[in-house]
Amino acid sequence: MSENLIQAFAMLGQGMLGIFVVLGIIALLVVLMQKFGEKKQ
């Protein structure tokens, strides 16, 4: 039982880490697009 629980928490941690990584990449892309957009104007 505890082994399954540990695996579940490991999967949850990896999922949360992946979500934060994706959000960080999206935030960086938005900032870069805003900077390039200002340069074009």
PDB file of N, CA and C in Angstrom:
ATOM      1  N   MET A   1       0.838  -1.212   0.000  1.00  0.00           N
ATOM      2  CA  MET A   1       0.000   0.000   0.000  1.00  0.00           C
ATOM      3  C   MET A   1       0.867   1.254   0.000  1.00  0.00           C
ATOM      4  N   SER A   2       1.851   1.299   0.896  1.00  0.00           N
ATOM      5  CA  SER A   2       2.696   2.498   0.992  1.00  0.00           C
ATOM      6  C   SER A   2       3.532   2.662  -0.283  1.00  0.00           C
ATOM      7  N   GLU A   3       3.904   1.542  -0.932  1.00  0.00           N
ATOM      8  CA  GLU A   3       4.705   1.627  -2.157  1.00  0.00           C
ATOM      9  C   GLU A   3       3.884   2.297  -3.269  1.00  0.00           C
ATOM     10  N   ASN A   4       2.618   1.911  -3.368  1.00  0.00           N
ATOM     11  CA  ASN A   4       1.742   2.539  -4.363  1.00  0.00           C
ATOM     12  C   ASN A   4       1.567   4.014  -4.057  1.00  0.00           C
ATOM     13  N   LEU A   5       1.463   4.347  -2.772  1.00  0.00           N
ATOM     14  CA  LEU A   5       1.294   5.741  -2.365  1.00  0.00           C
ATOM     15  C   LEU A   5       2.527   6.555  -2.754  1.00  0.00           C
ATOM     16  N   ILE A   6       3.708   5.977  -2.535  1.00  0.00           N
ATOM     17  CA  ILE A   6       4.964   6.669  -2.885  1.00  0.00           C
ATOM     18  C   ILE A   6       5.019   6.901  -4.395  1.00  0.00           C
ATOM     19  N   GLN A   7       4.636   5.886  -5.169  1.00  0.00           N
ATOM     20  CA  GLN A   7       4.637   6.031  -6.633  1.00  0.00           C
ATOM     21  C   GLN A   7       3.641   7.108  -7.063  1.00  0.00           C
ATOM     22  N   ALA A   8       2.488   7.154  -6.402  1.00  0.00           N
ATOM     23  CA  ALA A   8       1.475   8.149  -6.745  1.00  0.00           C
ATOM     24  C   ALA A   8       2.002   9.562  -6.476  1.00  0.00           C
ATOM     25  N   PHE A   9       2.654   9.740  -5.312  1.00  0.00           N
ATOM     26  CA  PHE A   9       3.203  11.063  -5.002  1.00  0.00           C
ATOM     27  C   PHE A   9       4.329  11.433  -5.962  1.00  0.00           C
ATOM     28  N   ALA A  10       5.119  10.448  -6.385  1.00  0.00           N
ATOM     29  CA  ALA A  10       6.201  10.701  -7.337  1.00  0.00           C
ATOM     30  C   ALA A  10       5.624  11.177  -8.668  1.00  0.00           C
ATOM     31  N   MET A  11       4.573  10.506  -9.129  1.00  0.00           N
ATOM     32  CA  MET A  11       3.929  10.906 -10.389  1.00  0.00           C
ATOM     33  C   MET A  11       3.324  12.301 -10.260  1.00  0.00           C
ATOM     34  N   LEU A  12       2.696  12.568  -9.099  1.00  0.00           N
ATOM     35  CA  LEU A  12       2.087  13.886  -8.864  1.00  0.00           C
ATOM     36  C   LEU A  12       3.162  14.961  -8.889  1.00  0.00           C
ATOM     37  N   GLY A  13       4.293  14.701  -8.236  1.00  0.00           N
ATOM     38  CA  GLY A  13       5.396  15.669  -8.205  1.00  0.00           C
ATOM     39  C   GLY A  13       5.934  15.935  -9.598  1.00  0.00           C
ATOM     40  N   GLN A  14       6.123  14.871 -10.382  1.00  0.00           N
ATOM     41  CA  GLN A  14       6.629  15.037 -11.745  1.00  0.00           C
ATOM     42  C   GLN A  14       5.633  15.831 -12.588  1.00  0.00           C
ATOM     43  N   GLY A  15       4.344  15.561 -12.405  1.00  0.00           N
ATOM     44  CA  GLY A  15       3.317  16.276 -13.168  1.00  0.00           C
ATOM     45  C   GLY A  15       3.315  17.757 -12.831  1.00  0.00           C
ATOM     46  N   MET A  16       3.405  18.070 -11.532  1.00  0.00           N
ATOM     47  CA  MET A  16       3.417  19.474 -11.113  1.00  0.00           C
ATOM     48  C   MET A  16       4.673  20.170 -11.639  1.00  0.00           C
ATOM     49  N   LEU A  17       5.818  19.467 -11.569  1.00  0.00           N
ATOM     50  CA  LEU A  17       7.071  20.040 -12.065  1.00  0.00           C
ATOM     51  C   LEU A  17       6.951  20.328 -13.562  1.00  0.00           C
ATOM     52  N   GLY A  18       6.377  19.382 -14.305  1.00  0.00           N
ATOM     53  CA  GLY A  18       6.200  19.579 -15.744  1.00  0.00           C
ATOM     54  C   GLY A  18       5.301  20.766 -16.042  1.00  0.00           C
ATOM     55  N   ILE A  19       4.225  20.918 -15.256  1.00  0.00           N
ATOM     56  CA  ILE A  19       3.307  22.044 -15.466  1.00  0.00           C
ATOM     57  C   ILE A  19       4.027  23.365 -15.229  1.00  0.00           C
ATOM     58  N   PHE A  20       4.825  23.432 -14.133  1.00  0.00           N
ATOM     59  CA  PHE A  20       5.546  24.670 -13.839  1.00  0.00           C
ATOM     60  C   PHE A  20       6.573  24.983 -14.928  1.00  0.00           C
ATOM     61  N   VAL A  21       7.234  23.949 -15.452  1.00  0.00           N
ATOM     62  CA  VAL A  21       8.216  24.152 -16.529  1.00  0.00           C
ATOM     63  C   VAL A  21       7.521  24.711 -17.768  1.00  0.00           C
ATOM     64  N   VAL A  22       6.388  24.106 -18.136  1.00  0.00           N
ATOM     65  CA  VAL A  22       5.644  24.574 -19.318  1.00  0.00           C
ATOM     66  C   VAL A  22       5.172  26.010 -19.114  1.00  0.00           C
ATOM     67  N   LEU A  23       4.647  26.328 -17.923  1.00  0.00           N
ATOM     68  CA  LEU A  23       4.193  27.696 -17.644  1.00  0.00           C
ATOM     69  C   LEU A  23       5.364  28.670 -17.741  1.00  0.00           C
ATOM     70  N   GLY A  24       6.518  28.281 -17.239  1.00  0.00           N
ATOM     71  CA  GLY A  24       7.706  29.138 -17.304  1.00  0.00           C
ATOM     72  C   GLY A  24       8.120  29.394 -18.744  1.00  0.00           C
ATOM     73  N   ILE A  25       8.104  28.357 -19.576  1.00  0.00           N
ATOM     74  CA  ILE A  25       8.466  28.512 -20.991  1.00  0.00           C
ATOM     75  C   ILE A  25       7.480  29.437 -21.690  1.00  0.00           C
ATOM     76  N   ILE A  26       6.186  29.273 -21.413  1.00  0.00           N
ATOM     77  CA  ILE A  26       5.163  30.134 -22.021  1.00  0.00           C
ATOM     78  C   ILE A  26       5.376  31.580 -21.590  1.00  0.00           C
ATOM     79  N   ALA A  27       5.675  31.800 -20.304  1.00  0.00           N
ATOM     80  CA  ALA A  27       5.908  33.160 -19.797  1.00  0.00           C
ATOM     81  C   ALA A  27       7.104  33.786 -20.506  1.00  0.00           C
ATOM     82  N   LEU A  28       8.183  33.022 -20.677  1.00  0.00           N
ATOM     83  CA  LEU A  28       9.373  33.539 -21.374  1.00  0.00           C
ATOM     84  C   LEU A  28       9.030  33.883 -22.822  1.00  0.00           C
ATOM     85  N   LEU A  29       8.262  33.022 -23.495  1.00  0.00           N
ATOM     86  CA  LEU A  29       7.879  33.289 -24.878  1.00  0.00           C
ATOM     87  C   LEU A  29       7.048  34.567 -24.970  1.00  0.00           C
ATOM     88  N   VAL A  30       6.134  34.767 -24.033  1.00  0.00           N
ATOM     89  CA  VAL A  30       5.294  35.973 -24.038  1.00  0.00           C
ATOM     90  C   VAL A  30       6.161  37.215 -23.871  1.00  0.00           C
ATOM     91  N   VAL A  31       7.106  37.166 -22.922  1.00  0.00           N
ATOM     92  CA  VAL A  31       7.993  38.315 -22.689  1.00  0.00           C
ATOM     93  C   VAL A  31       8.830  38.601 -23.929  1.00  0.00           C
ATOM     94  N   LEU A  32       9.371  37.551 -24.548  1.00  0.00           N
ATOM     95  CA  LEU A  32      10.191  37.740 -25.755  1.00  0.00           C
ATOM     96  C   LEU A  32       9.342  38.313 -26.892  1.00  0.00           C
ATOM     97  N   MET A  33       8.120  37.817 -27.057  1.00  0.00           N
ATOM     98  CA  MET A  33       7.244  38.322 -28.121  1.00  0.00           C
ATOM     99  C   MET A  33       6.910  39.792 -27.881  1.00  0.00           C
ATOM    100  N   GLN A  34       6.690  40.171 -26.622  1.00  0.00           N
ATOM    101  CA  GLN A  34       6.395  41.573 -26.314  1.00  0.00           C
ATOM    102  C   GLN A  34       7.599  42.453 -26.657  1.00  0.00           C
ATOM    103  N   LYS A  35       8.806  41.979 -26.319  1.00  0.00           N
ATOM    104  CA  LYS A  35      10.013  42.768 -26.607  1.00  0.00           C
ATOM    105  C   LYS A  35      10.203  42.927 -28.114  1.00  0.00           C
ATOM    106  N   PHE A  36      10.060  41.819 -28.861  1.00  0.00           N
ATOM    107  CA  PHE A  36      10.219  41.896 -30.315  1.00  0.00           C
ATOM    108  C   PHE A  36       9.114  42.755 -30.931  1.00  0.00           C
ATOM    109  N   GLY A  37       7.910  42.692 -30.372  1.00  0.00           N
ATOM    110  CA  GLY A  37       6.802  43.502 -30.884  1.00  0.00           C
ATOM    111  C   GLY A  37       7.078  44.974 -30.690  1.00  0.00           C
ATOM    112  N   GLU A  38       7.688  45.349 -29.551  1.00  0.00           N
ATOM    113  CA  GLU A  38       7.999  46.761 -29.311  1.00  0.00           C
ATOM    114  C   GLU A  38       9.086  47.242 -30.264  1.00  0.00           C
ATOM    115  N   LYS A  39      10.037  46.371 -30.582  1.00  0.00           N
ATOM    116  CA  LYS A  39      11.125  46.753 -31.501  1.00  0.00           C
ATOM    117  C   LYS A  39      10.599  47.026 -32.906  1.00  0.00           C
ATOM    118  N   LYS A  40       9.616  46.253 -33.323  1.00  0.00           N
ATOM    119  CA  LYS A  40       9.070  46.426 -34.682  1.00  0.00           C
ATOM    120  C   LYS A  40       8.344  47.755 -34.851  1.00  0.00           C
ATOM    121  N   GLN A  41       7.724  48.235 -33.779  1.00  0.00           N
ATOM    122  CA  GLN A  41       6.919  49.460 -33.911  1.00  0.00           C
ATOM    123  C   GLN A  41       7.777  50.693 -34.062  1.00  0.00           C
TER     124      GLN A  41
END
